[in-house]
């Protein structure tokens, strides 16, 4: 369906040059949806080409008679307002989230319903700029549930009882999205939150882009030599590994590192540790890369 839509929409990868939409038009296709962005003249010309290709292919477009060039419209759950320079979640997505909120408050949902809710929340959070890091443990719960569904350990129609904490987090997440609804489009300073943790077996980290909520998960097991280190030193190594993974695109931006080890927090704030050379080197090395080499404004908590 996506290929068919792209072909009728005049995408250069699928049609001959004569049928390609004007180069000045930006095109987005998703399954059976098409969105054009550009000047009114170019968009109307692209729309005319689409109608011609659709007619030749004997394809009928929904609402073809009422389709117009507009500065405000809804597309894949997003309410676009180019004139007001704002974006928000569409009315349809808002209604679905409101229904999901009612189910969450009942304390139980189907496994497939929770999986769908997770997708909607991530999508809506990215649209209106809700920071998903605040609901990390709800996200972790949804991820584990999705993995269990993929492995066949749970049935899609199985009823999942929500614990009090998960229920509160999901309730708060849905409300945060619904209450924000719309936000202005403006240039942002790149911002990242890094969650760091370690155990005697291995280390892990989660990188969350504050603006887009894009998530990257890191982690590995310790080597035999590393397993002989003190847990504080392992936490410091995890700190260095996660901080070293911060992409260059965040140079000049802000990074918040969340670590639950008070020793590492103390070293990061003071910049030195007299008791452990390994701990001192790992933390300071990570700080040096971010603050000196990448000119990042850093906070550790």
C-alpha atoms as a PDB file:
ATOM      1  CA  UNK A   1       0.000   0.000   0.000  1.00  0.00           C
ATOM      2  CA  UNK A   2       2.826   2.403   0.852  1.00  0.00           C
ATOM      3  CA  UNK A   3       4.493   1.703  -2.537  1.00  0.00           C
ATOM      4  CA  UNK A   4       1.185   2.188  -4.364  1.00  0.00           C
ATOM      5  CA  UNK A   5       0.545   5.469  -2.555  1.00  0.00           C
ATOM      6  CA  UNK A   6       4.070   6.728  -3.305  1.00  0.00           C
ATOM      7  CA  UNK A   7       3.617   5.859  -6.985  1.00  0.00           C
ATOM      8  CA  UNK A   8       0.309   7.694  -7.335  1.00  0.00           C
ATOM      9  CA  UNK A   9       1.707  10.616  -5.320  1.00  0.00           C
ATOM     10  CA  UNK A  10       4.426  11.111  -7.952  1.00  0.00           C
ATOM     11  CA  UNK A  11       7.431  10.079  -5.863  1.00  0.00           C
ATOM     12  CA  UNK A  12      10.615  10.255  -8.009  1.00  0.00           C
ATOM     13  CA  UNK A  13      11.700   6.766  -6.909  1.00  0.00           C
ATOM     14  CA  UNK A  14       8.569   5.170  -8.363  1.00  0.00           C
ATOM     15  CA  UNK A  15       7.426   7.126 -11.455  1.00  0.00           C
ATOM     16  CA  UNK A  16       8.834   8.491 -14.687  1.00  0.00           C
ATOM     17  CA  UNK A  17      10.155  12.038 -14.745  1.00  0.00           C
ATOM     18  CA  UNK A  18       7.057  13.389 -16.482  1.00  0.00           C
ATOM     19  CA  UNK A  19       4.895  12.324 -13.531  1.00  0.00           C
ATOM     20  CA  UNK A  20       7.179  13.529 -10.732  1.00  0.00           C
ATOM     21  CA  UNK A  21       5.756  16.330  -8.559  1.00  0.00           C
ATOM     22  CA  UNK A  22       7.515  19.734  -8.697  1.00  0.00           C
ATOM     23  CA  UNK A  23      10.990  19.692  -7.123  1.00  0.00           C
ATOM     24  CA  UNK A  24      10.039  22.590  -4.835  1.00  0.00           C
ATOM     25  CA  UNK A  25       7.422  20.405  -3.124  1.00  0.00           C
ATOM     26  CA  UNK A  26       8.356  18.324  -0.093  1.00  0.00           C
ATOM     27  CA  UNK A  27       6.490  15.011  -0.070  1.00  0.00           C
ATOM     28  CA  UNK A  28       5.672  12.653   2.802  1.00  0.00           C
ATOM     29  CA  UNK A  29       3.849   9.356   2.255  1.00  0.00           C
ATOM     30  CA  UNK A  30       2.757   6.876   4.895  1.00  0.00           C
ATOM     31  CA  UNK A  31       0.689   3.788   3.987  1.00  0.00           C
ATOM     32  CA  UNK A  32      -2.330   5.439   2.248  1.00  0.00           C
ATOM     33  CA  UNK A  33      -1.639   9.033   3.329  1.00  0.00           C
ATOM     34  CA  UNK A  34       0.073  11.781   1.323  1.00  0.00           C
ATOM     35  CA  UNK A  35       1.245  15.196   2.497  1.00  0.00           C
ATOM     36  CA  UNK A  36       2.751  17.936   0.326  1.00  0.00           C
ATOM     37  CA  UNK A  37       4.508  21.029   1.678  1.00  0.00           C
ATOM     38  CA  UNK A  38       5.544  24.070  -0.344  1.00  0.00           C
ATOM     39  CA  UNK A  39       4.067  27.143  -1.982  1.00  0.00           C
ATOM     40  CA  UNK A  40       0.330  27.077  -2.734  1.00  0.00           C
ATOM     41  CA  UNK A  41       1.014  27.107  -6.488  1.00  0.00           C
ATOM     42  CA  UNK A  42       3.417  24.142  -6.337  1.00  0.00           C
ATOM     43  CA  UNK A  43       1.185  22.148  -3.967  1.00  0.00           C
ATOM     44  CA  UNK A  44      -1.850  22.605  -6.225  1.00  0.00           C
ATOM     45  CA  UNK A  45       0.230  21.531  -9.213  1.00  0.00           C
ATOM     46  CA  UNK A  46       1.335  18.421  -7.333  1.00  0.00           C
ATOM     47  CA  UNK A  47      -2.282  17.711  -6.386  1.00  0.00           C
ATOM     48  CA  UNK A  48      -3.305  17.987 -10.049  1.00  0.00           C
ATOM     49  CA  UNK A  49      -0.645  15.424 -11.025  1.00  0.00           C
ATOM     50  CA  UNK A  50      -1.861  13.082  -8.296  1.00  0.00           C
ATOM     51  CA  UNK A  51      -5.436  13.280  -9.598  1.00  0.00           C
ATOM     52  CA  UNK A  52      -4.227  12.469 -13.112  1.00  0.00           C
ATOM     53  CA  UNK A  53      -2.213   9.446 -11.966  1.00  0.00           C
ATOM     54  CA  UNK A  54      -5.063   8.246  -9.753  1.00  0.00           C
ATOM     55  CA  UNK A  55      -7.552   8.510 -12.612  1.00  0.00           C
ATOM     56  CA  UNK A  56      -5.239   6.587 -14.969  1.00  0.00           C
ATOM     57  CA  UNK A  57      -4.743   3.929 -12.281  1.00  0.00           C
ATOM     58  CA  UNK A  58      -8.502   3.811 -11.505  1.00  0.00           C
ATOM     59  CA  UNK A  59      -7.817   4.704  -7.866  1.00  0.00           C
ATOM     60  CA  UNK A  60     -10.315   6.751  -5.858  1.00  0.00           C
ATOM     61  CA  UNK A  61      -9.045   9.203  -3.235  1.00  0.00           C
ATOM     62  CA  UNK A  62     -11.100   9.684  -0.088  1.00  0.00           C
ATOM     63  CA  UNK A  63     -12.467  13.258   0.198  1.00  0.00           C
ATOM     64  CA  UNK A  64     -11.010  14.116  -3.187  1.00  0.00           C
ATOM     65  CA  UNK A  65     -13.706  16.727  -3.836  1.00  0.00           C
ATOM     66  CA  UNK A  66     -12.995  18.605  -0.605  1.00  0.00           C
ATOM     67  CA  UNK A  67      -9.200  18.461  -0.703  1.00  0.00           C
ATOM     68  CA  UNK A  68      -7.605  21.919  -0.661  1.00  0.00           C
ATOM     69  CA  UNK A  69      -4.225  23.498  -0.087  1.00  0.00           C
ATOM     70  CA  UNK A  70      -4.184  24.605   3.552  1.00  0.00           C
ATOM     71  CA  UNK A  71      -1.783  25.924   6.159  1.00  0.00           C
ATOM     72  CA  UNK A  72      -3.494  23.818   8.837  1.00  0.00           C
ATOM     73  CA  UNK A  73      -4.341  20.117   8.563  1.00  0.00           C
ATOM     74  CA  UNK A  74      -3.979  16.768  10.330  1.00  0.00           C
ATOM     75  CA  UNK A  75      -1.583  14.066   9.149  1.00  0.00           C
ATOM     76  CA  UNK A  76      -0.746  10.786  10.938  1.00  0.00           C
ATOM     77  CA  UNK A  77      -1.843  11.975  14.355  1.00  0.00           C
ATOM     78  CA  UNK A  78      -0.273  15.437  14.008  1.00  0.00           C
ATOM     79  CA  UNK A  79      -2.205  18.712  13.865  1.00  0.00           C
ATOM     80  CA  UNK A  80      -0.046  20.979  11.705  1.00  0.00           C
ATOM     81  CA  UNK A  81      -0.547  24.752  11.929  1.00  0.00           C
ATOM     82  CA  UNK A  82       1.978  26.434   9.626  1.00  0.00           C
ATOM     83  CA  UNK A  83       0.500  29.906   9.940  1.00  0.00           C
ATOM     84  CA  UNK A  84       0.553  29.835  13.752  1.00  0.00           C
ATOM     85  CA  UNK A  85       3.841  27.879  13.684  1.00  0.00           C
ATOM     86  CA  UNK A  86       2.506  25.258  16.088  1.00  0.00           C
ATOM     87  CA  UNK A  87       2.084  21.499  16.109  1.00  0.00           C
ATOM     88  CA  UNK A  88      -0.142  19.357  18.262  1.00  0.00           C
ATOM     89  CA  UNK A  89      -1.812  15.985  18.516  1.00  0.00           C
ATOM     90  CA  UNK A  90      -4.801  15.482  16.240  1.00  0.00           C
ATOM     91  CA  UNK A  91      -8.380  15.361  17.524  1.00  0.00           C
ATOM     92  CA  UNK A  92      -8.589  11.679  16.604  1.00  0.00           C
ATOM     93  CA  UNK A  93      -5.449  10.775  18.543  1.00  0.00           C
ATOM     94  CA  UNK A  94      -6.663  12.828  21.519  1.00  0.00           C
ATOM     95  CA  UNK A  95      -9.921  10.866  21.628  1.00  0.00           C
ATOM     96  CA  UNK A  96      -8.072   7.556  21.518  1.00  0.00           C
ATOM     97  CA  UNK A  97      -5.764   8.594  24.358  1.00  0.00           C
ATOM     98  CA  UNK A  98      -8.739   9.773  26.410  1.00  0.00           C
ATOM     99  CA  UNK A  99     -10.348   6.337  26.011  1.00  0.00           C
ATOM    100  CA  UNK A 100      -7.055   4.668  26.943  1.00  0.00           C
ATOM    101  CA  UNK A 101      -6.906   6.809  30.081  1.00  0.00           C
ATOM    102  CA  UNK A 102     -10.316   5.494  31.158  1.00  0.00           C
ATOM    103  CA  UNK A 103      -9.069   1.914  30.731  1.00  0.00           C
ATOM    104  CA  UNK A 104      -5.861   2.621  32.673  1.00  0.00           C
ATOM    105  CA  UNK A 105      -7.878   3.984  35.588  1.00  0.00           C
ATOM    106  CA  UNK A 106      -9.819   0.710  35.735  1.00  0.00           C
ATOM    107  CA  UNK A 107      -6.540  -1.001  36.686  1.00  0.00           C
ATOM    108  CA  UNK A 108      -6.425  -3.571  33.880  1.00  0.00           C
ATOM    109  CA  UNK A 109      -6.004  -3.648  30.083  1.00  0.00           C
ATOM    110  CA  UNK A 110      -5.444  -6.248  27.414  1.00  0.00           C
ATOM    111  CA  UNK A 111      -1.847  -6.927  26.414  1.00  0.00           C
ATOM    112  CA  UNK A 112      -2.493  -5.660  22.881  1.00  0.00           C
ATOM    113  CA  UNK A 113      -4.198  -2.553  24.279  1.00  0.00           C
ATOM    114  CA  UNK A 114      -1.176  -1.717  26.411  1.00  0.00           C
ATOM    115  CA  UNK A 115       1.164  -2.275  23.468  1.00  0.00           C
ATOM    116  CA  UNK A 116      -0.945   0.106  21.355  1.00  0.00           C
ATOM    117  CA  UNK A 117      -1.054   2.637  24.191  1.00  0.00           C
ATOM    118  CA  UNK A 118       2.742   2.593  24.397  1.00  0.00           C
ATOM    119  CA  UNK A 119       3.035   3.393  20.697  1.00  0.00           C
ATOM    120  CA  UNK A 120       0.503   6.211  20.950  1.00  0.00           C
ATOM    121  CA  UNK A 121       2.221   7.730  23.971  1.00  0.00           C
ATOM    122  CA  UNK A 122       5.660   7.718  22.346  1.00  0.00           C
ATOM    123  CA  UNK A 123       4.232   9.250  19.170  1.00  0.00           C
ATOM    124  CA  UNK A 124       2.219  11.912  21.020  1.00  0.00           C
ATOM    125  CA  UNK A 125       5.109  12.740  23.376  1.00  0.00           C
ATOM    126  CA  UNK A 126       7.389  13.397  20.412  1.00  0.00           C
ATOM    127  CA  UNK A 127       4.776  15.712  18.868  1.00  0.00           C
ATOM    128  CA  UNK A 128       4.159  17.979  21.874  1.00  0.00           C
ATOM    129  CA  UNK A 129       7.554  17.644  23.588  1.00  0.00           C
ATOM    130  CA  UNK A 130       6.646  15.631  26.698  1.00  0.00           C
ATOM    131  CA  UNK A 131       9.849  14.259  28.235  1.00  0.00           C
ATOM    132  CA  UNK A 132       9.476  10.457  28.406  1.00  0.00           C
ATOM    133  CA  UNK A 133      12.334  10.174  30.908  1.00  0.00           C
ATOM    134  CA  UNK A 134       9.881  11.186  33.639  1.00  0.00           C
ATOM    135  CA  UNK A 135       7.908   8.031  32.885  1.00  0.00           C
ATOM    136  CA  UNK A 136      10.918   5.746  32.428  1.00  0.00           C
ATOM    137  CA  UNK A 137       9.595   2.886  34.559  1.00  0.00           C
ATOM    138  CA  UNK A 138       6.241   2.900  32.741  1.00  0.00           C
ATOM    139  CA  UNK A 139       8.177   2.730  29.470  1.00  0.00           C
ATOM    140  CA  UNK A 140      10.235  -0.143  30.895  1.00  0.00           C
ATOM    141  CA  UNK A 141       7.030  -1.985  31.843  1.00  0.00           C
ATOM    142  CA  UNK A 142       5.627  -1.533  28.320  1.00  0.00           C
ATOM    143  CA  UNK A 143       8.883  -2.659  26.722  1.00  0.00           C
ATOM    144  CA  UNK A 144       8.954  -5.858  28.777  1.00  0.00           C
ATOM    145  CA  UNK A 145       5.335  -6.542  27.895  1.00  0.00           C
ATOM    146  CA  UNK A 146       6.051  -6.055  24.186  1.00  0.00           C
ATOM    147  CA  UNK A 147       9.014  -8.432  24.408  1.00  0.00           C
ATOM    148  CA  UNK A 148       6.810 -11.029  26.126  1.00  0.00           C
ATOM    149  CA  UNK A 149       4.236 -10.681  23.319  1.00  0.00           C
ATOM    150  CA  UNK A 150       6.926 -11.056  20.645  1.00  0.00           C
ATOM    151  CA  UNK A 151       8.253 -14.217  22.345  1.00  0.00           C
ATOM    152  CA  UNK A 152       4.772 -15.699  22.653  1.00  0.00           C
ATOM    153  CA  UNK A 153       4.887 -15.668  26.449  1.00  0.00           C
ATOM    154  CA  UNK A 154       1.650 -13.666  26.624  1.00  0.00           C
ATOM    155  CA  UNK A 155      -1.472 -13.722  24.447  1.00  0.00           C
ATOM    156  CA  UNK A 156      -2.595 -10.483  22.793  1.00  0.00           C
ATOM    157  CA  UNK A 157      -6.036 -10.756  24.414  1.00  0.00           C
ATOM    158  CA  UNK A 158      -4.638 -11.577  27.862  1.00  0.00           C
ATOM    159  CA  UNK A 159      -5.771  -9.207  30.605  1.00  0.00           C
ATOM    160  CA  UNK A 160      -2.861  -7.470  32.338  1.00  0.00           C
ATOM    161  CA  UNK A 161      -3.399  -6.186  35.874  1.00  0.00           C
ATOM    162  CA  UNK A 162      -1.643  -2.869  36.457  1.00  0.00           C
ATOM    163  CA  UNK A 163       0.219  -2.310  39.707  1.00  0.00           C
ATOM    164  CA  UNK A 164      -0.491   0.920  41.559  1.00  0.00           C
ATOM    165  CA  UNK A 165       2.819   2.492  40.525  1.00  0.00           C
ATOM    166  CA  UNK A 166       2.455   1.576  36.825  1.00  0.00           C
ATOM    167  CA  UNK A 167      -1.134   2.791  36.859  1.00  0.00           C
ATOM    168  CA  UNK A 168      -0.080   6.167  38.308  1.00  0.00           C
ATOM    169  CA  UNK A 169       2.777   6.558  35.820  1.00  0.00           C
ATOM    170  CA  UNK A 170       0.616   5.706  32.785  1.00  0.00           C
ATOM    171  CA  UNK A 171      -2.145   7.975  34.081  1.00  0.00           C
ATOM    172  CA  UNK A 172       0.341  10.827  34.510  1.00  0.00           C
ATOM    173  CA  UNK A 173       1.896  10.234  31.089  1.00  0.00           C
ATOM    174  CA  UNK A 174      -1.434  10.309  29.251  1.00  0.00           C
ATOM    175  CA  UNK A 175      -2.552  13.421  31.152  1.00  0.00           C
ATOM    176  CA  UNK A 176       0.771  15.170  30.438  1.00  0.00           C
ATOM    177  CA  UNK A 177       0.236  14.640  26.701  1.00  0.00           C
ATOM    178  CA  UNK A 178      -3.433  15.623  26.700  1.00  0.00           C
ATOM    179  CA  UNK A 179      -2.849  18.741  28.805  1.00  0.00           C
ATOM    180  CA  UNK A 180      -0.038  20.009  26.595  1.00  0.00           C
ATOM    181  CA  UNK A 181      -1.828  19.290  23.290  1.00  0.00           C
ATOM    182  CA  UNK A 182       0.033  21.924  21.229  1.00  0.00           C
ATOM    183  CA  UNK A 183       3.436  23.559  21.197  1.00  0.00           C
ATOM    184  CA  UNK A 184       5.188  26.257  19.133  1.00  0.00           C
ATOM    185  CA  UNK A 185       7.728  25.249  16.530  1.00  0.00           C
ATOM    186  CA  UNK A 186      11.048  26.851  17.402  1.00  0.00           C
ATOM    187  CA  UNK A 187      14.742  26.124  17.129  1.00  0.00           C
ATOM    188  CA  UNK A 188      15.979  24.184  20.148  1.00  0.00           C
ATOM    189  CA  UNK A 189      19.345  23.710  21.753  1.00  0.00           C
ATOM    190  CA  UNK A 190      20.129  19.977  21.427  1.00  0.00           C
ATOM    191  CA  UNK A 191      19.453  18.346  24.774  1.00  0.00           C
ATOM    192  CA  UNK A 192      19.995  14.797  26.003  1.00  0.00           C
ATOM    193  CA  UNK A 193      19.338  12.862  29.204  1.00  0.00           C
ATOM    194  CA  UNK A 194      21.557   9.859  29.959  1.00  0.00           C
ATOM    195  CA  UNK A 195      20.486   7.215  32.482  1.00  0.00           C
ATOM    196  CA  UNK A 196      23.410   5.160  33.828  1.00  0.00           C
ATOM    197  CA  UNK A 197      23.472   1.988  35.929  1.00  0.00           C
ATOM    198  CA  UNK A 198      25.832  -0.888  36.696  1.00  0.00           C
ATOM    199  CA  UNK A 199      25.893  -4.173  38.582  1.00  0.00           C
ATOM    200  CA  UNK A 200      28.587  -6.737  39.321  1.00  0.00           C
ATOM    201  CA  UNK A 201      27.656  -8.515  36.066  1.00  0.00           C
ATOM    202  CA  UNK A 202      27.456  -5.669  33.568  1.00  0.00           C
ATOM    203  CA  UNK A 203      26.481  -2.097  32.766  1.00  0.00           C
ATOM    204  CA  UNK A 204      23.664  -0.351  30.926  1.00  0.00           C
ATOM    205  CA  UNK A 205      22.529   3.057  29.820  1.00  0.00           C
ATOM    206  CA  UNK A 206      19.607   4.778  28.116  1.00  0.00           C
ATOM    207  CA  UNK A 207      20.060   7.950  26.029  1.00  0.00           C
ATOM    208  CA  UNK A 208      16.878  10.012  25.598  1.00  0.00           C
ATOM    209  CA  UNK A 209      16.690  13.018  23.276  1.00  0.00           C
ATOM    210  CA  UNK A 210      14.654  15.624  25.165  1.00  0.00           C
ATOM    211  CA  UNK A 211      13.193  17.194  21.988  1.00  0.00           C
ATOM    212  CA  UNK A 212      12.257  14.087  19.985  1.00  0.00           C
ATOM    213  CA  UNK A 213      12.179  11.398  22.716  1.00  0.00           C
ATOM    214  CA  UNK A 214      14.370   9.243  20.486  1.00  0.00           C
ATOM    215  CA  UNK A 215      15.867   6.475  22.633  1.00  0.00           C
ATOM    216  CA  UNK A 216      19.140   4.584  22.362  1.00  0.00           C
ATOM    217  CA  UNK A 217      19.891   1.667  24.681  1.00  0.00           C
ATOM    218  CA  UNK A 218      23.476   0.678  25.541  1.00  0.00           C
ATOM    219  CA  UNK A 219      24.966  -2.080  27.645  1.00  0.00           C
ATOM    220  CA  UNK A 220      27.257  -5.080  27.934  1.00  0.00           C
ATOM    221  CA  UNK A 221      28.753  -7.571  30.407  1.00  0.00           C
ATOM    222  CA  UNK A 222      31.944  -6.847  32.309  1.00  0.00           C
ATOM    223  CA  UNK A 223      35.165  -8.641  31.408  1.00  0.00           C
ATOM    224  CA  UNK A 224      36.662 -11.066  33.942  1.00  0.00           C
ATOM    225  CA  UNK A 225      39.203  -8.424  34.980  1.00  0.00           C
ATOM    226  CA  UNK A 226      36.536  -5.745  35.411  1.00  0.00           C
ATOM    227  CA  UNK A 227      34.394  -8.011  37.577  1.00  0.00           C
ATOM    228  CA  UNK A 228      37.131  -7.847  40.206  1.00  0.00           C
ATOM    229  CA  UNK A 229      36.625  -4.100  40.690  1.00  0.00           C
ATOM    230  CA  UNK A 230      34.607  -2.463  43.466  1.00  0.00           C
ATOM    231  CA  UNK A 231      30.980  -1.624  42.601  1.00  0.00           C
ATOM    232  CA  UNK A 232      31.737   2.108  42.839  1.00  0.00           C
ATOM    233  CA  UNK A 233      34.481   1.713  40.243  1.00  0.00           C
ATOM    234  CA  UNK A 234      32.111  -0.261  38.015  1.00  0.00           C
ATOM    235  CA  UNK A 235      29.520   2.503  38.309  1.00  0.00           C
ATOM    236  CA  UNK A 236      32.216   5.003  37.293  1.00  0.00           C
ATOM    237  CA  UNK A 237      33.185   2.897  34.260  1.00  0.00           C
ATOM    238  CA  UNK A 238      29.509   2.702  33.276  1.00  0.00           C
ATOM    239  CA  UNK A 239      29.372   6.498  33.591  1.00  0.00           C
ATOM    240  CA  UNK A 240      32.352   6.885  31.245  1.00  0.00           C
ATOM    241  CA  UNK A 241      31.004   4.367  28.704  1.00  0.00           C
ATOM    242  CA  UNK A 242      27.577   6.009  28.528  1.00  0.00           C
ATOM    243  CA  UNK A 243      28.962   9.543  28.374  1.00  0.00           C
ATOM    244  CA  UNK A 244      31.424   8.495  25.653  1.00  0.00           C
ATOM    245  CA  UNK A 245      28.458   7.348  23.564  1.00  0.00           C
ATOM    246  CA  UNK A 246      26.891  10.844  23.417  1.00  0.00           C
ATOM    247  CA  UNK A 247      26.698  11.657  19.661  1.00  0.00           C
ATOM    248  CA  UNK A 248      28.569  14.654  18.247  1.00  0.00           C
ATOM    249  CA  UNK A 249      25.279  16.319  17.218  1.00  0.00           C
ATOM    250  CA  UNK A 250      24.799  17.363  20.875  1.00  0.00           C
ATOM    251  CA  UNK A 251      27.946  19.508  20.819  1.00  0.00           C
ATOM    252  CA  UNK A 252      27.125  22.917  22.246  1.00  0.00           C
ATOM    253  CA  UNK A 253      23.946  21.608  23.833  1.00  0.00           C
ATOM    254  CA  UNK A 254      22.975  20.327  27.270  1.00  0.00           C
ATOM    255  CA  UNK A 255      23.324  16.855  28.768  1.00  0.00           C
ATOM    256  CA  UNK A 256      21.887  15.606  32.059  1.00  0.00           C
ATOM    257  CA  UNK A 257      23.396  12.393  33.436  1.00  0.00           C
ATOM    258  CA  UNK A 258      21.238  10.475  35.905  1.00  0.00           C
ATOM    259  CA  UNK A 259      23.231   8.042  38.067  1.00  0.00           C
ATOM    260  CA  UNK A 260      22.099   6.429  41.337  1.00  0.00           C
ATOM    261  CA  UNK A 261      25.596   6.036  42.805  1.00  0.00           C
ATOM    262  CA  UNK A 262      26.353   8.864  45.248  1.00  0.00           C
ATOM    263  CA  UNK A 263      30.111   8.313  44.997  1.00  0.00           C
ATOM    264  CA  UNK A 264      30.086   8.877  41.247  1.00  0.00           C
ATOM    265  CA  UNK A 265      27.822  11.888  41.728  1.00  0.00           C
ATOM    266  CA  UNK A 266      30.284  13.351  44.223  1.00  0.00           C
ATOM    267  CA  UNK A 267      33.310  12.820  41.984  1.00  0.00           C
ATOM    268  CA  UNK A 268      31.479  14.313  39.005  1.00  0.00           C
ATOM    269  CA  UNK A 269      30.684  17.455  41.003  1.00  0.00           C
ATOM    270  CA  UNK A 270      34.084  17.817  42.664  1.00  0.00           C
ATOM    271  CA  UNK A 271      36.123  16.678  39.662  1.00  0.00           C
ATOM    272  CA  UNK A 272      38.483  14.408  41.632  1.00  0.00           C
ATOM    273  CA  UNK A 273      38.670  11.312  43.836  1.00  0.00           C
ATOM    274  CA  UNK A 274      41.670  10.559  46.042  1.00  0.00           C
ATOM    275  CA  UNK A 275      40.684   7.002  46.998  1.00  0.00           C
ATOM    276  CA  UNK A 276      40.481   5.288  43.592  1.00  0.00           C
ATOM    277  CA  UNK A 277      42.519   6.037  40.516  1.00  0.00           C
ATOM    278  CA  UNK A 278      40.165   3.961  38.334  1.00  0.00           C
ATOM    279  CA  UNK A 279      37.094   5.816  39.572  1.00  0.00           C
ATOM    280  CA  UNK A 280      38.790   9.190  39.245  1.00  0.00           C
ATOM    281  CA  UNK A 281      40.026   8.532  35.684  1.00  0.00           C
ATOM    282  CA  UNK A 282      36.702   7.143  34.406  1.00  0.00           C
ATOM    283  CA  UNK A 283      34.549   9.992  35.672  1.00  0.00           C
ATOM    284  CA  UNK A 284      36.945  12.820  34.859  1.00  0.00           C
ATOM    285  CA  UNK A 285      37.628  11.383  31.391  1.00  0.00           C
ATOM    286  CA  UNK A 286      33.911  11.355  30.654  1.00  0.00           C
ATOM    287  CA  UNK A 287      33.488  14.912  31.937  1.00  0.00           C
ATOM    288  CA  UNK A 288      36.443  16.148  29.895  1.00  0.00           C
ATOM    289  CA  UNK A 289      35.005  14.798  26.642  1.00  0.00           C
ATOM    290  CA  UNK A 290      31.632  16.457  27.141  1.00  0.00           C
ATOM    291  CA  UNK A 291      32.609  19.766  28.704  1.00  0.00           C
ATOM    292  CA  UNK A 292      35.918  20.504  26.987  1.00  0.00           C
ATOM    293  CA  UNK A 293      35.837  18.702  23.639  1.00  0.00           C
ATOM    294  CA  UNK A 294      32.098  19.070  22.906  1.00  0.00           C
ATOM    295  CA  UNK A 295      31.399  22.323  24.807  1.00  0.00           C
ATOM    296  CA  UNK A 296      28.370  20.775  26.499  1.00  0.00           C
ATOM    297  CA  UNK A 297      26.566  22.210  29.510  1.00  0.00           C
ATOM    298  CA  UNK A 298      26.494  19.229  31.885  1.00  0.00           C
ATOM    299  CA  UNK A 299      24.576  18.388  35.032  1.00  0.00           C
ATOM    300  CA  UNK A 300      24.747  15.175  37.075  1.00  0.00           C
ATOM    301  CA  UNK A 301      22.014  14.009  39.406  1.00  0.00           C
END
